[in-house]
Every structure is written in C-alpha cells, then in structure tokens.
C-alpha cells in the first residue's frame, strides 16, 4: 500500500481548529517485568471462578456465556484488536490534554495476560483495525497509522493525515470496507452546532460545507494515494461503525446531549442505529429521533433527512460494535450486531445485541447480552468502549471507566 495521502481541507466549523501538533512519536518496546505481568491485580471487580482461563466477573450475562477479567490497570483503554496468535492489542488514550497515549500488547500467560507497551506518546489513540494487507492500523486524533509489528521495535507509517483533532469529538474510529476503502468518523466539533450564527433560520455550516464534520469520510487509493471524500453526513459522532456480512455499513449514533429549546431528559433524545447509504444526510443538528425538528434552524422539514433504522436508549452512548459472525459463535447469537453502551446515565453501561432477519433488517428490539454493573455497590460502574470478536467466538471488550479488558466467552 502507498504511504502517501491527500490531506482534506477541513475548514473551520463554529470555532477555529488549532493546527495539528507535529508529534515526535516515541516508540519503545518495553521488556516484560514482574510489575507488568498478570495485570488483574488491584482491580475493583470482585471475581469468582474462571472464564476463558481468567478470573470470572460476576455480572449478569446471557445464558451460555461467561465474563472474564483479562487485565486491569490499562489506563483509559479504548480500541481493542485480538490477534490470530492469541495476543490482544489495546489502545490506551492516556490523557485528553497531551499526547500521552499508548499501544499495549497483552500476551496470554497461565492465569492471565502479561501487559507491555509497544508505542508511547500517541495523540489520543482510539480505533484499532486489521487491514486487508494483514497489517495493524491505529487511529490517533488527527491521523491513521499503519503499525508493523514484525519489527522490533514496531515501526509506524502515516496513512491518512490532516484529520481535525480539536473540538468536542476529536477521537477517530474507522473500519475497512469490503473493497479495502477506509471509512473514518469525523465527529462534530460541537454538541448541536450551538456556535452557529444567532439569527433564527441559519443552517449549520459544519454539516453542509464541502468538507463536512459530523460525517463519515471514505478514503480509497487513487494512483497510489489515499484520497478522501465525504461518504455520509449529519452524523454527530460515529464512534460505533461496522460492516455487515452483506457489505452494508452500519453506525450507532451518539445523539445530542441537550434537547431543542433547552432542558434535558433521561428519555430524549434517543441515540440511533443507522444503515449508512452513500450521499445520505442523517439530520444532525436539525433533527433527532424519527423526525423531531430543532426550531433554531430552517427550513423545518425533517423528511429530507434519512431516518434511523432503530432507536437506542437516550444518552446510552454507543462506542463500539461488531457483527458477531465467527463460526464458533453460539448459533442463536450468530450474525447479531453486538453494541457496547458506554453512557454513565441509567440506560448506559450495558452490552446489547441486535438480531437481523434474512432481509438484513434489525429486529424491532435488542437483547441484553451483559448487564449488572449497577446492580450492587460491589460492582464498579462499567463503561464498555470497543468490542471485537475472535475466531473462537470470544468477544473482547475494553472498559475505560475501570481501565480493564473483559472477555465474553461462550461456555
């Protein structure tokens, strides 16, 4: 793959974006030590028994599964990627105000996982994916890197650069499409374009300009260069992205925090499950739910925007999702879309699954896969971030409120 990229001209939205920092990426392969190994010590979880070879966690889990604590003390773990050899990669965001993120390698050992950092000094890393070339790809706030794990220490190559790294939603999630193109979340710089000009009837520049934020961008190779174009817009923060087995792209939307006209509620506005169609506009910031219009903007017609396929609980904050397709997955769950709800409010901190019918449409209601973080005081409040499945049917879940890596395993 070529390492060159076309830098999109993301114009300022409601407030200027500061120039991207040129980071000196300190790459270090740390040797294992007694302090690194079997990093479940000091966990806030109460454990009992075993699950997938690690201590079991006493959460509510659907019949036929167990939940295990693979590692704790991981900082602010975000992205996760199980490797074919049994090891697991995790991104640690580090800090929101400085390039202090890490790429961690977790290696199985009797009784747990040994943790060591492979990369340091990353700028708010989140997304992790395996590319069609067999290489690992990692998203910082402002760029996407290819990581060569075959080198010691690992080497990194910038693939996509110039992504906006400031504003309210700087983190980047991305997925590879069936054709090898990279689809990247460029989150809105605000909650609901509240920095727009004051006169009633104005439209949101960030959602409408030629280089939109609140959008999914598609990058494909053209003459050896990665060239990006807007793919779908009107999506406030597409941190949960996944391609279905039929090749369709799905997104779980983090909707706005405040309601049109002010105020807030535990019930509104809903987060969303969207099927992403090229060129579609999904309504941010003008419309929420199935057509609730914000009178601060004009014209007041939500019919021009693509509606969600299904609604998620309000403020549940979906951050990671995956189609659960391994042959080793339990038959009743195989093909489901598994989503982690990161939200701290009462409708978050759960992992749910949406079954799809033969026509490729989600069922009317989702099923809860893991729950119970809030059930008793001895359980820390959970905040699942990313989710990936391995070939053994296990689901790997990063959980950043408690700095842990969990594994959901068929029993």
Protein backbone atom coordinates (compact mmCIF):
# COMPACT_ATOMS: atom_id res chain seq x y z
CA UNK A 1 0.00 0.00 0.00
CA UNK A 2 1.17 3.53 -0.71
CA UNK A 3 2.07 5.69 2.28
CA UNK A 4 1.06 8.96 0.63
CA UNK A 5 -2.23 10.63 1.41
CA UNK A 6 -4.30 13.52 0.16
CA UNK A 7 -4.87 15.93 3.04
CA UNK A 8 -8.51 17.09 3.07
CA UNK A 9 -9.14 20.78 3.67
CA UNK A 10 -11.37 20.63 6.72
CA UNK A 11 -12.41 24.26 7.03
CA UNK A 12 -13.17 25.69 10.49
CA UNK A 13 -16.64 24.90 11.81
CA UNK A 14 -18.13 27.00 14.58
CA UNK A 15 -14.74 27.90 16.03
CA UNK A 16 -11.27 27.68 14.51
CA UNK A 17 -9.44 24.38 14.79
CA UNK A 18 -5.91 24.81 16.10
CA UNK A 19 -3.17 23.50 13.81
CA UNK A 20 -2.36 19.84 14.34
CA UNK A 21 0.65 19.24 16.50
CA UNK A 22 3.61 17.62 14.84
CA UNK A 23 4.22 14.81 17.27
CA UNK A 24 7.52 13.16 17.92
CA UNK A 25 6.33 9.60 18.38
CA UNK A 26 8.47 7.87 20.98
CA UNK A 27 8.48 4.19 20.06
CA UNK A 28 9.53 1.77 22.75
CA UNK A 29 9.26 -1.95 23.14
CA UNK A 30 9.32 -2.47 26.88
CA UNK A 31 10.60 -5.75 28.27
CA UNK A 32 8.33 -7.80 30.47
CA UNK A 33 8.82 -7.33 34.18
CA UNK A 34 7.27 -8.59 37.35
CA UNK A 35 5.34 -5.32 37.57
CA UNK A 36 3.77 -5.83 34.14
CA UNK A 37 2.58 -9.38 34.35
CA UNK A 38 -0.87 -10.75 35.02
CA UNK A 39 -2.42 -7.33 35.27
CA UNK A 40 -5.61 -8.15 37.13
CA UNK A 41 -4.16 -7.17 40.49
CA UNK A 42 -5.75 -4.13 42.11
CA UNK A 43 -8.96 -4.46 40.10
CA UNK A 44 -12.14 -3.03 41.58
CA UNK A 45 -14.05 -6.09 40.38
CA UNK A 46 -14.97 -8.92 42.69
CA UNK A 47 -14.09 -12.13 40.88
CA UNK A 48 -15.08 -15.74 41.38
CA UNK A 49 -14.39 -18.87 39.37
CA UNK A 50 -12.88 -18.84 35.89
CA UNK A 51 -13.98 -17.74 32.42
CA UNK A 52 -11.84 -18.31 29.32
CA UNK A 53 -8.84 -19.02 31.56
CA UNK A 54 -9.05 -15.74 33.54
CA UNK A 55 -10.87 -14.73 36.73
CA UNK A 56 -14.65 -14.68 36.28
CA UNK A 57 -16.60 -11.45 36.80
CA UNK A 58 -19.97 -11.69 38.47
CA UNK A 59 -22.04 -9.65 36.03
CA UNK A 60 -25.42 -10.53 34.58
CA UNK A 61 -24.74 -12.31 31.31
CA UNK A 62 -26.97 -14.10 28.83
CA UNK A 63 -27.31 -17.86 29.17
CA UNK A 64 -24.45 -19.75 27.55
CA UNK A 65 -21.81 -17.03 28.18
CA UNK A 66 -19.47 -16.00 30.97
CA UNK A 67 -17.49 -12.80 31.53
CA UNK A 68 -13.81 -12.83 32.48
CA UNK A 69 -11.37 -10.17 33.64
CA UNK A 70 -8.37 -10.41 31.31
CA UNK A 71 -6.48 -7.37 32.58
CA UNK A 72 -6.85 -4.19 34.62
CA UNK A 73 -4.69 -1.13 35.23
CA UNK A 74 -4.71 -0.30 31.50
CA UNK A 75 -5.19 3.45 31.87
CA UNK A 76 -8.02 4.63 29.59
CA UNK A 77 -8.37 1.64 27.25
CA UNK A 78 -10.30 2.37 24.07
CA UNK A 79 -9.66 0.27 20.95
CA UNK A 80 -9.14 -3.49 21.04
CA UNK A 81 -7.91 -5.99 18.46
CA UNK A 82 -7.45 -9.73 19.13
CA UNK A 83 -4.64 -11.22 17.05
CA UNK A 84 -4.60 -14.62 15.40
CA UNK A 85 -1.86 -15.91 17.75
CA UNK A 86 -3.94 -15.30 20.90
CA UNK A 87 -2.42 -11.97 21.87
CA UNK A 88 -4.57 -8.82 22.15
CA UNK A 89 -3.79 -5.20 21.26
CA UNK A 90 -5.34 -2.32 23.21
CA UNK A 91 -5.05 1.45 22.79
CA UNK A 92 -4.73 3.49 25.98
CA UNK A 93 -5.96 7.05 25.33
CA UNK A 94 -3.62 8.34 28.04
CA UNK A 95 -4.79 11.93 28.55
CA UNK A 96 -7.18 14.29 26.81
CA UNK A 97 -4.80 17.25 27.02
CA UNK A 98 -1.47 15.80 25.90
CA UNK A 99 -0.03 13.14 23.55
CA UNK A 100 0.40 10.50 26.24
CA UNK A 101 -1.40 7.53 24.68
CA UNK A 102 -0.03 4.02 24.27
CA UNK A 103 -0.45 0.88 22.21
CA UNK A 104 -0.44 -2.09 24.58
CA UNK A 105 0.26 -5.74 23.81
CA UNK A 106 -1.39 -8.34 26.05
CA UNK A 107 0.11 -11.81 25.89
CA UNK A 108 -1.57 -14.88 27.45
CA UNK A 109 0.13 -16.44 30.44
CA UNK A 110 -1.16 -19.04 32.90
CA UNK A 111 -3.84 -17.29 34.92
CA UNK A 112 -3.99 -14.04 32.98
CA UNK A 113 -2.35 -11.69 30.50
CA UNK A 114 1.03 -10.00 30.55
CA UNK A 115 0.87 -6.35 29.51
CA UNK A 116 3.63 -4.34 27.86
CA UNK A 117 3.60 -1.07 25.90
CA UNK A 118 4.67 -1.18 22.26
CA UNK A 119 4.18 2.51 21.40
CA UNK A 120 4.16 5.59 23.60
CA UNK A 121 3.49 9.29 23.03
CA UNK A 122 0.41 8.73 20.86
CA UNK A 123 -2.13 11.56 20.47
CA UNK A 124 -5.43 10.31 21.95
CA UNK A 125 -5.44 6.92 20.20
CA UNK A 126 -8.73 5.09 19.79
CA UNK A 127 -9.51 2.95 16.73
CA UNK A 128 -7.69 -0.33 16.02
CA UNK A 129 -8.32 -2.49 12.96
CA UNK A 130 -6.67 -5.26 10.97
CA UNK A 131 -6.20 -4.17 7.36
CA UNK A 132 -6.72 -6.31 4.27
CA UNK A 133 -2.91 -6.40 3.93
CA UNK A 134 -2.60 -8.17 7.29
CA UNK A 135 -1.13 -5.11 8.99
CA UNK A 136 -2.47 -3.35 12.09
CA UNK A 137 -3.96 0.14 11.68
CA UNK A 138 -4.32 2.62 14.54
CA UNK A 139 -6.17 5.95 14.71
CA UNK A 140 -4.81 8.94 16.58
CA UNK A 141 -6.93 12.07 16.86
CA UNK A 142 -5.53 13.59 13.68
CA UNK A 143 -4.28 10.69 11.59
CA UNK A 144 -4.34 6.95 10.89
CA UNK A 145 -1.15 4.93 11.14
CA UNK A 146 -0.07 1.54 9.84
CA UNK A 147 1.85 -0.39 12.52
CA UNK A 148 4.36 -3.06 11.58
CA UNK A 149 4.51 -5.50 14.49
CA UNK A 150 7.09 -7.64 12.72
CA UNK A 151 9.77 -5.06 13.50
CA UNK A 152 11.34 -4.67 16.94
CA UNK A 153 10.55 -2.03 17.99
CA UNK A 154 7.41 -1.69 15.83
CA UNK A 155 7.50 0.89 13.06
CA UNK A 156 4.64 3.22 12.13
CA UNK A 157 3.72 4.75 8.78
CA UNK A 158 1.17 7.58 8.44
CA UNK A 159 -1.57 6.57 6.00
CA UNK A 160 -4.20 9.31 6.41
CA UNK A 161 -3.22 12.70 7.84
CA UNK A 162 -4.79 16.10 8.34
CA UNK A 163 -7.90 14.93 10.20
CA UNK A 164 -9.37 17.55 12.58
CA UNK A 165 -8.07 16.84 16.07
CA UNK A 166 -9.83 19.51 18.11
CA UNK A 167 -13.39 20.30 19.11
CA UNK A 168 -15.84 18.30 21.16
CA UNK A 169 -15.36 14.94 19.39
CA UNK A 170 -11.70 14.56 18.36
CA UNK A 171 -11.37 10.76 18.64
CA UNK A 172 -11.32 8.68 15.48
CA UNK A 173 -12.98 5.36 14.78
CA UNK A 174 -12.61 3.72 11.36
CA UNK A 175 -13.41 0.49 9.53
CA UNK A 176 -12.25 -1.16 6.32
CA UNK A 177 -14.92 -1.81 3.70
CA UNK A 178 -15.15 -4.96 1.58
CA UNK A 179 -13.27 -3.12 -1.19
CA UNK A 180 -10.42 -2.10 1.12
CA UNK A 181 -11.51 1.54 1.48
CA UNK A 182 -11.20 3.14 4.92
CA UNK A 183 -14.31 4.75 6.43
CA UNK A 184 -13.46 7.31 9.13
CA UNK A 185 -15.59 9.08 11.70
CA UNK A 186 -15.09 12.87 11.76
CA UNK A 187 -17.16 13.88 14.79
CA UNK A 188 -18.95 17.21 15.17
CA UNK A 189 -16.92 19.96 16.80
CA UNK A 190 -19.94 20.91 18.94
CA UNK A 191 -22.97 19.28 20.55
CA UNK A 192 -25.69 20.72 18.27
CA UNK A 193 -23.95 23.45 16.26
CA UNK A 194 -24.61 25.84 19.14
CA UNK A 195 -21.83 28.14 17.94
CA UNK A 196 -23.75 28.85 14.72
CA UNK A 197 -24.71 32.47 13.93
CA UNK A 198 -27.56 33.59 16.16
CA UNK A 199 -30.27 34.72 13.69
CA UNK A 200 -33.15 32.27 13.51
CA UNK A 201 -33.23 30.19 10.36
CA UNK A 202 -29.50 29.81 9.78
CA UNK A 203 -28.20 26.44 8.67
CA UNK A 204 -25.23 24.66 10.24
CA UNK A 205 -22.12 25.29 8.18
CA UNK A 206 -20.27 22.29 9.58
CA UNK A 207 -22.97 19.91 8.39
CA UNK A 208 -23.31 21.43 4.91
CA UNK A 209 -19.88 22.53 3.71
CA UNK A 210 -17.92 20.65 1.05
CA UNK A 211 -15.58 19.22 3.73
CA UNK A 212 -18.13 18.45 6.45
CA UNK A 213 -17.62 17.50 10.04
CA UNK A 214 -20.27 15.34 11.73
CA UNK A 215 -19.66 12.94 8.86
CA UNK A 216 -18.18 9.65 7.73
CA UNK A 217 -15.38 10.06 5.21
CA UNK A 218 -14.32 7.34 2.77
CA UNK A 219 -10.66 7.01 1.77
CA UNK A 220 -9.64 4.95 -1.24
CA UNK A 221 -6.39 4.57 -3.11
CA UNK A 222 -6.20 6.54 -6.35
CA UNK A 223 -2.94 6.35 -8.31
CA UNK A 224 -1.13 5.19 -5.21
CA UNK A 225 -2.51 7.89 -2.93
CA UNK A 226 -5.23 7.74 -0.28
CA UNK A 227 -7.93 10.18 -1.37
CA UNK A 228 -10.81 11.07 0.95
CA UNK A 229 -14.35 12.18 0.14
CA UNK A 230 -17.46 12.69 2.29
CA UNK A 231 -19.48 9.46 2.36
CA UNK A 232 -22.42 10.38 4.63
CA UNK A 233 -23.11 13.42 6.76
CA UNK A 234 -25.37 14.68 9.53
CA UNK A 235 -23.89 12.13 12.00
CA UNK A 236 -22.86 13.81 15.24
CA UNK A 237 -20.30 11.23 16.38
CA UNK A 238 -20.00 7.88 14.58
CA UNK A 239 -17.79 6.09 17.11
CA UNK A 240 -19.60 2.77 16.54
CA UNK A 241 -19.09 1.53 12.96
CA UNK A 242 -19.34 -1.97 11.48
CA UNK A 243 -19.82 -3.63 8.11
CA UNK A 244 -22.48 -6.33 7.96
CA UNK A 245 -21.88 -9.67 6.24
CA UNK A 246 -23.89 -8.39 3.25
CA UNK A 247 -21.45 -5.47 2.81
CA UNK A 248 -23.69 -2.73 4.21
CA UNK A 249 -22.24 -0.17 6.62
CA UNK A 250 -23.95 0.43 9.98
CA UNK A 251 -23.47 3.18 12.52
CA UNK A 252 -24.68 3.73 16.07
CA UNK A 253 -25.12 7.46 16.65
CA UNK A 254 -24.28 9.42 19.76
CA UNK A 255 -27.09 11.97 19.57
CA UNK A 256 -27.02 15.46 21.05
CA UNK A 257 -26.84 15.98 24.80
CA UNK A 258 -29.44 18.73 25.10
CA UNK A 259 -32.94 18.96 23.70
CA UNK A 260 -34.15 21.59 21.23
CA UNK A 261 -35.34 24.56 23.25
CA UNK A 262 -33.14 23.74 26.24
CA UNK A 263 -33.51 21.33 29.10
CA UNK A 264 -32.62 17.68 29.21
CA UNK A 265 -34.22 14.35 29.94
CA UNK A 266 -33.41 10.75 30.65
CA UNK A 267 -35.75 9.76 27.81
CA UNK A 268 -34.80 12.13 24.95
CA UNK A 269 -33.19 12.47 22.53
CA UNK A 270 -32.64 8.84 21.57
CA UNK A 271 -29.36 7.56 20.26
CA UNK A 272 -29.74 5.83 16.89
CA UNK A 273 -28.90 2.78 14.82
CA UNK A 274 -28.38 3.84 11.20
CA UNK A 275 -27.78 1.98 7.97
CA UNK A 276 -25.31 4.20 6.13
CA UNK A 277 -26.04 4.98 2.49
CA UNK A 278 -23.59 6.92 0.30
CA UNK A 279 -24.53 10.57 -0.01
CA UNK A 280 -27.23 10.49 2.67
CA UNK A 281 -27.69 13.21 5.30
CA UNK A 282 -28.87 11.90 8.69
CA UNK A 283 -30.12 15.18 10.11
CA UNK A 284 -27.61 16.49 12.65
CA UNK A 285 -28.13 19.09 14.07
CA UNK A 286 -31.59 19.81 12.67
CA UNK A 287 -33.50 16.62 13.54
CA UNK A 288 -33.36 13.92 16.19
CA UNK A 289 -35.27 10.69 16.84
CA UNK A 290 -37.68 9.84 13.98
CA UNK A 291 -38.14 13.46 12.95
CA UNK A 292 -38.03 15.82 15.94
CA UNK A 293 -37.14 19.22 14.48
CA UNK A 294 -34.97 21.85 16.19
CA UNK A 295 -36.76 25.18 15.61
CA UNK A 296 -33.45 27.05 15.84
CA UNK A 297 -32.80 26.03 12.23
CA UNK A 298 -34.71 26.36 8.99
CA UNK A 299 -36.39 25.02 7.00
CA UNK A 300 -38.34 22.94 9.48
CA UNK A 301 -38.71 19.77 7.45
CA UNK A 302 -37.18 16.51 8.67
CA UNK A 303 -38.49 14.48 5.74
CA UNK A 304 -35.47 15.44 3.65
CA UNK A 305 -33.13 13.58 6.02
CA UNK A 306 -32.57 9.84 6.34
CA UNK A 307 -34.27 8.41 9.42
CA UNK A 308 -32.74 5.83 11.77
CA UNK A 309 -33.43 2.13 11.31
CA UNK A 310 -33.96 1.77 15.05
CA UNK A 311 -33.73 3.94 18.16
CA UNK A 312 -31.37 3.24 21.05
CA UNK A 313 -31.93 4.39 24.64
CA UNK A 314 -31.30 8.09 25.19
CA UNK A 315 -27.74 9.00 26.19
CA UNK A 316 -26.67 5.37 26.14
CA UNK A 317 -23.57 6.41 24.14
CA UNK A 318 -22.72 3.51 21.80
CA UNK A 319 -18.95 3.50 21.28
CA UNK A 320 -18.11 0.10 19.83
CA UNK A 321 -19.90 -2.57 17.85
CA UNK A 322 -19.23 -5.66 15.80
CA UNK A 323 -21.21 -8.19 13.79
CA UNK A 324 -20.81 -11.45 15.68
CA UNK A 325 -20.07 -13.80 12.78
CA UNK A 326 -17.43 -16.40 13.85
CA UNK A 327 -18.41 -19.99 13.21
CA UNK A 328 -17.69 -20.66 16.89
CA UNK A 329 -20.34 -18.16 18.00
CA UNK A 330 -23.44 -19.75 19.55
CA UNK A 331 -25.98 -20.32 16.78
CA UNK A 332 -28.71 -18.28 18.45
CA UNK A 333 -26.44 -15.23 18.55
CA UNK A 334 -24.50 -15.69 15.32
CA UNK A 335 -24.89 -12.74 12.96
CA UNK A 336 -26.10 -10.40 15.70
CA UNK A 337 -24.82 -6.84 15.91
CA UNK A 338 -23.21 -6.50 19.36
CA UNK A 339 -23.02 -2.93 20.72
CA UNK A 340 -21.35 -1.56 23.84
CA UNK A 341 -23.24 1.25 25.60
CA UNK A 342 -20.69 3.48 27.29
CA UNK A 343 -23.06 6.04 28.82
CA UNK A 344 -22.88 6.82 32.52
CA UNK A 345 -26.60 7.52 32.84
CA UNK A 346 -29.02 4.79 33.84
CA UNK A 347 -29.53 3.48 30.29
CA UNK A 348 -25.83 3.03 29.56
CA UNK A 349 -23.25 0.57 30.96
CA UNK A 350 -24.64 -2.45 29.13
CA UNK A 351 -23.75 -4.62 26.17
CA UNK A 352 -26.63 -5.40 23.84
CA UNK A 353 -27.16 -7.44 20.68
CA UNK A 354 -29.46 -6.81 17.74
CA UNK A 355 -30.54 -9.79 15.67
CA UNK A 356 -31.07 -9.31 11.94
CA UNK A 357 -33.60 -11.07 9.75
CA UNK A 358 -32.98 -12.74 6.39
CA UNK A 359 -33.59 -9.46 4.56
CA UNK A 360 -30.82 -7.72 6.51
CA UNK A 361 -33.05 -5.64 8.78
CA UNK A 362 -32.65 -5.42 12.56
CA UNK A 363 -35.34 -6.84 14.82
CA UNK A 364 -37.71 -4.41 16.49
CA UNK A 365 -35.99 -4.78 19.88
CA UNK A 366 -32.48 -5.58 21.04
CA UNK A 367 -31.44 -8.26 23.53
CA UNK A 368 -29.23 -7.56 26.53
CA UNK A 369 -26.02 -9.61 26.49
CA UNK A 370 -24.24 -8.21 29.57
CA UNK A 371 -25.73 -6.09 32.35
CA UNK A 372 -25.49 -5.67 36.10
CA UNK A 373 -22.68 -3.16 36.53
CA UNK A 374 -25.11 -1.01 38.51
CA UNK A 375 -26.81 -3.88 40.36
CA UNK A 376 -24.80 -3.80 43.59
CA UNK A 377 -22.34 -1.48 45.24
CA UNK A 378 -19.54 -4.03 44.93
CA UNK A 379 -19.59 -3.74 41.13
CA UNK A 380 -17.88 -0.67 39.64
CA UNK A 381 -19.97 1.20 37.10
CA UNK A 382 -18.93 -0.13 33.70
CA UNK A 383 -18.24 1.86 30.55
CA UNK A 384 -17.63 -0.50 27.59
CA UNK A 385 -15.82 1.15 24.71
CA UNK A 386 -14.66 -1.05 21.82
CA UNK A 387 -15.73 -4.63 21.02
CA UNK A 388 -14.13 -7.20 18.71
CA UNK A 389 -14.74 -10.92 18.13
CA UNK A 390 -12.06 -13.57 17.65
CA UNK A 391 -12.26 -16.84 15.73
CA UNK A 392 -13.07 -18.77 18.92
CA UNK A 393 -16.30 -16.85 19.35
CA UNK A 394 -15.00 -14.73 22.23
CA UNK A 395 -15.86 -11.04 22.43
CA UNK A 396 -13.13 -8.73 23.72
CA UNK A 397 -14.34 -5.54 25.40
CA UNK A 398 -12.33 -2.56 26.60
CA UNK A 399 -13.89 -0.74 29.54
CA UNK A 400 -12.33 2.63 30.28
CA UNK A 401 -14.02 3.71 33.49
CA UNK A 402 -12.16 0.98 35.37
CA UNK A 403 -9.22 0.53 33.00
CA UNK A 404 -9.99 -3.09 32.17
CA UNK A 405 -10.12 -5.60 29.34
CA UNK A 406 -13.03 -8.05 29.63
CA UNK A 407 -13.69 -11.21 27.64
CA UNK A 408 -17.20 -12.54 26.97
CA UNK A 409 -16.85 -16.22 26.18
CA UNK A 410 -19.28 -18.95 25.13
CA UNK A 411 -19.34 -21.59 27.86
